[in-house]
Amino acid sequence: MLRHEFQPGRLVVGVFLTATGIAYAGDAAGLWTTEWFAAIPLMVAGLFLAGVTAALTRAIRRRRRAPES
């Protein structure tokens, strides 16, 4: 039973936020070095891809819901 509609754009943002967190967690653990500005390109790319994904999802859902004449 679905409680809400699946939103793939939010999934994409979550993946990029998780990747950013993993990068800084690895730096904190001493496994590798992550520069302080590394989050900027990750977040910009994630937000851009999430926007594209959300727009594509909306277009697909709108087309499927359109009544056939």
N, C-alpha and C. Protein backbone atom coordinates (compact mmCIF):
# COMPACT_ATOMS: atom_id res chain seq x y z
N MET A 1 0.84 -1.16 0.00
CA MET A 1 0.00 0.00 0.00
C MET A 1 0.89 1.24 0.00
N LEU A 2 0.78 2.03 -1.07
CA LEU A 2 1.58 3.24 -1.16
C LEU A 2 0.94 4.36 -0.35
N ARG A 3 1.74 5.03 0.44
CA ARG A 3 1.23 6.13 1.25
C ARG A 3 1.44 7.47 0.56
N HIS A 4 2.38 7.53 -0.36
CA HIS A 4 2.63 8.76 -1.09
C HIS A 4 3.20 8.42 -2.45
N GLU A 5 3.24 9.41 -3.29
CA GLU A 5 3.74 9.22 -4.64
C GLU A 5 5.27 9.19 -4.63
N PHE A 6 5.84 8.29 -5.39
CA PHE A 6 7.30 8.18 -5.50
C PHE A 6 7.83 9.40 -6.25
N GLN A 7 8.87 10.04 -5.69
CA GLN A 7 9.47 11.22 -6.31
C GLN A 7 10.95 10.96 -6.55
N PRO A 8 11.31 10.61 -7.78
CA PRO A 8 12.71 10.27 -8.07
C PRO A 8 13.67 11.44 -7.92
N GLY A 9 13.20 12.67 -8.06
CA GLY A 9 14.09 13.82 -7.86
C GLY A 9 14.63 13.89 -6.45
N ARG A 10 13.79 13.57 -5.49
CA ARG A 10 14.25 13.55 -4.09
C ARG A 10 15.23 12.40 -3.85
N LEU A 11 15.06 11.31 -4.56
CA LEU A 11 15.99 10.20 -4.45
C LEU A 11 17.37 10.62 -4.95
N VAL A 12 17.42 11.34 -6.06
CA VAL A 12 18.69 11.81 -6.62
C VAL A 12 19.39 12.75 -5.64
N VAL A 13 18.65 13.69 -5.06
CA VAL A 13 19.23 14.61 -4.08
C VAL A 13 19.75 13.82 -2.88
N GLY A 14 19.02 12.84 -2.43
CA GLY A 14 19.45 12.02 -1.30
C GLY A 14 20.73 11.26 -1.58
N VAL A 15 20.88 10.77 -2.79
CA VAL A 15 22.10 10.05 -3.17
C VAL A 15 23.30 10.99 -3.14
N PHE A 16 23.13 12.20 -3.67
CA PHE A 16 24.25 13.14 -3.67
C PHE A 16 24.57 13.65 -2.27
N LEU A 17 23.55 13.86 -1.44
CA LEU A 17 23.81 14.25 -0.05
C LEU A 17 24.55 13.14 0.68
N THR A 18 24.17 11.90 0.43
CA THR A 18 24.84 10.76 1.05
C THR A 18 26.29 10.66 0.58
N ALA A 19 26.51 10.88 -0.71
CA ALA A 19 27.88 10.85 -1.25
C ALA A 19 28.75 11.94 -0.62
N THR A 20 28.17 13.12 -0.43
CA THR A 20 28.90 14.20 0.22
C THR A 20 29.23 13.83 1.67
N GLY A 21 28.28 13.26 2.35
CA GLY A 21 28.51 12.82 3.73
C GLY A 21 29.57 11.74 3.82
N ILE A 22 29.56 10.81 2.89
CA ILE A 22 30.57 9.74 2.88
C ILE A 22 31.95 10.33 2.61
N ALA A 23 32.03 11.31 1.71
CA ALA A 23 33.32 11.93 1.41
C ALA A 23 33.90 12.58 2.66
N TYR A 24 33.08 13.32 3.40
CA TYR A 24 33.58 13.98 4.61
C TYR A 24 33.78 12.99 5.75
N ALA A 25 33.00 11.93 5.82
CA ALA A 25 33.21 10.91 6.85
C ALA A 25 34.53 10.18 6.62
N GLY A 26 34.85 9.91 5.36
CA GLY A 26 36.14 9.29 5.05
C GLY A 26 37.31 10.19 5.40
N ASP A 27 37.11 11.48 5.21
CA ASP A 27 38.16 12.43 5.59
C ASP A 27 38.32 12.47 7.10
N ALA A 28 37.20 12.45 7.83
CA ALA A 28 37.26 12.48 9.29
C ALA A 28 37.90 11.20 9.85
N ALA A 29 37.69 10.08 9.16
CA ALA A 29 38.27 8.82 9.62
C ALA A 29 39.73 8.68 9.21
N GLY A 30 40.22 9.58 8.37
CA GLY A 30 41.61 9.52 7.95
C GLY A 30 41.87 8.59 6.78
N LEU A 31 40.82 8.16 6.09
CA LEU A 31 41.00 7.26 4.95
C LEU A 31 41.50 8.00 3.71
N TRP A 32 41.07 9.24 3.52
CA TRP A 32 41.50 10.08 2.42
C TRP A 32 41.32 11.53 2.83
N THR A 33 41.79 12.42 1.97
CA THR A 33 41.68 13.85 2.23
C THR A 33 40.61 14.45 1.33
N THR A 34 39.67 15.15 1.93
CA THR A 34 38.62 15.84 1.18
C THR A 34 38.75 17.33 1.44
N GLU A 35 38.85 18.09 0.38
CA GLU A 35 38.96 19.54 0.52
C GLU A 35 37.63 20.11 0.99
N TRP A 36 37.66 21.28 1.62
CA TRP A 36 36.46 21.87 2.19
C TRP A 36 35.46 22.24 1.12
N PHE A 37 35.91 22.57 -0.07
CA PHE A 37 35.02 23.01 -1.14
C PHE A 37 34.49 21.86 -2.00
N ALA A 38 34.74 20.63 -1.63
CA ALA A 38 34.31 19.49 -2.43
C ALA A 38 32.79 19.33 -2.45
N ALA A 39 32.12 19.84 -1.44
CA ALA A 39 30.66 19.72 -1.37
C ALA A 39 29.97 20.58 -2.41
N ILE A 40 30.60 21.67 -2.82
CA ILE A 40 29.94 22.59 -3.76
C ILE A 40 29.65 21.92 -5.10
N PRO A 41 30.62 21.31 -5.79
CA PRO A 41 30.29 20.67 -7.06
C PRO A 41 29.35 19.48 -6.90
N LEU A 42 29.50 18.75 -5.81
CA LEU A 42 28.61 17.62 -5.58
C LEU A 42 27.17 18.08 -5.42
N MET A 43 26.96 19.11 -4.65
CA MET A 43 25.60 19.59 -4.40
C MET A 43 25.01 20.27 -5.62
N VAL A 44 25.80 21.04 -6.35
CA VAL A 44 25.30 21.69 -7.56
C VAL A 44 24.91 20.64 -8.59
N ALA A 45 25.75 19.64 -8.78
CA ALA A 45 25.43 18.57 -9.72
C ALA A 45 24.19 17.80 -9.27
N GLY A 46 24.10 17.52 -7.98
CA GLY A 46 22.95 16.79 -7.47
C GLY A 46 21.66 17.56 -7.62
N LEU A 47 21.69 18.85 -7.32
CA LEU A 47 20.48 19.66 -7.46
C LEU A 47 20.09 19.81 -8.93
N PHE A 48 21.06 19.96 -9.81
CA PHE A 48 20.76 20.05 -11.24
C PHE A 48 20.13 18.75 -11.75
N LEU A 49 20.75 17.63 -11.42
CA LEU A 49 20.21 16.34 -11.87
C LEU A 49 18.85 16.05 -11.25
N ALA A 50 18.64 16.47 -10.02
CA ALA A 50 17.33 16.29 -9.39
C ALA A 50 16.28 17.13 -10.09
N GLY A 51 16.63 18.34 -10.48
CA GLY A 51 15.69 19.18 -11.22
C GLY A 51 15.33 18.59 -12.57
N VAL A 52 16.31 18.08 -13.28
CA VAL A 52 16.06 17.43 -14.56
C VAL A 52 15.19 16.20 -14.37
N THR A 53 15.49 15.42 -13.35
CA THR A 53 14.72 14.21 -13.07
C THR A 53 13.28 14.55 -12.70
N ALA A 54 13.10 15.56 -11.88
CA ALA A 54 11.74 15.96 -11.48
C ALA A 54 10.94 16.48 -12.67
N ALA A 55 11.58 17.26 -13.54
CA ALA A 55 10.89 17.78 -14.72
C ALA A 55 10.51 16.64 -15.67
N LEU A 56 11.41 15.71 -15.85
CA LEU A 56 11.13 14.56 -16.71
C LEU A 56 10.02 13.70 -16.13
N THR A 57 10.05 13.48 -14.82
CA THR A 57 9.01 12.70 -14.17
C THR A 57 7.65 13.37 -14.30
N ARG A 58 7.63 14.69 -14.12
CA ARG A 58 6.36 15.42 -14.24
C ARG A 58 5.82 15.34 -15.66
N ALA A 59 6.69 15.46 -16.66
CA ALA A 59 6.26 15.37 -18.05
C ALA A 59 5.69 13.99 -18.37
N ILE A 60 6.34 12.96 -17.86
CA ILE A 60 5.87 11.59 -18.11
C ILE A 60 4.53 11.36 -17.42
N ARG A 61 4.42 11.79 -16.18
CA ARG A 61 3.16 11.60 -15.46
C ARG A 61 2.03 12.41 -16.07
N ARG A 62 2.31 13.61 -16.53
CA ARG A 62 1.28 14.44 -17.15
C ARG A 62 0.80 13.80 -18.43
N ARG A 63 1.72 13.23 -19.19
CA ARG A 63 1.34 12.59 -20.45
C ARG A 63 0.49 11.35 -20.20
N ARG A 64 0.81 10.58 -19.16
CA ARG A 64 0.05 9.37 -18.84
C ARG A 64 -1.35 9.69 -18.32
N ARG A 65 -1.50 10.82 -17.62
CA ARG A 65 -2.79 11.18 -17.04
C ARG A 65 -3.70 11.89 -18.04
N ALA A 66 -3.15 12.33 -19.16
CA ALA A 66 -3.96 13.06 -20.12
C ALA A 66 -5.05 12.16 -20.68
N PRO A 67 -6.30 12.63 -20.67
CA PRO A 67 -7.39 11.81 -21.22
C PRO A 67 -7.28 11.68 -22.74
N GLU A 68 -7.54 10.49 -23.19
CA GLU A 68 -7.47 10.24 -24.63
C GLU A 68 -8.76 10.71 -25.28
N SER A 69 -8.62 11.50 -26.35
CA SER A 69 -9.79 12.03 -27.04
C SER A 69 -10.02 11.32 -28.35
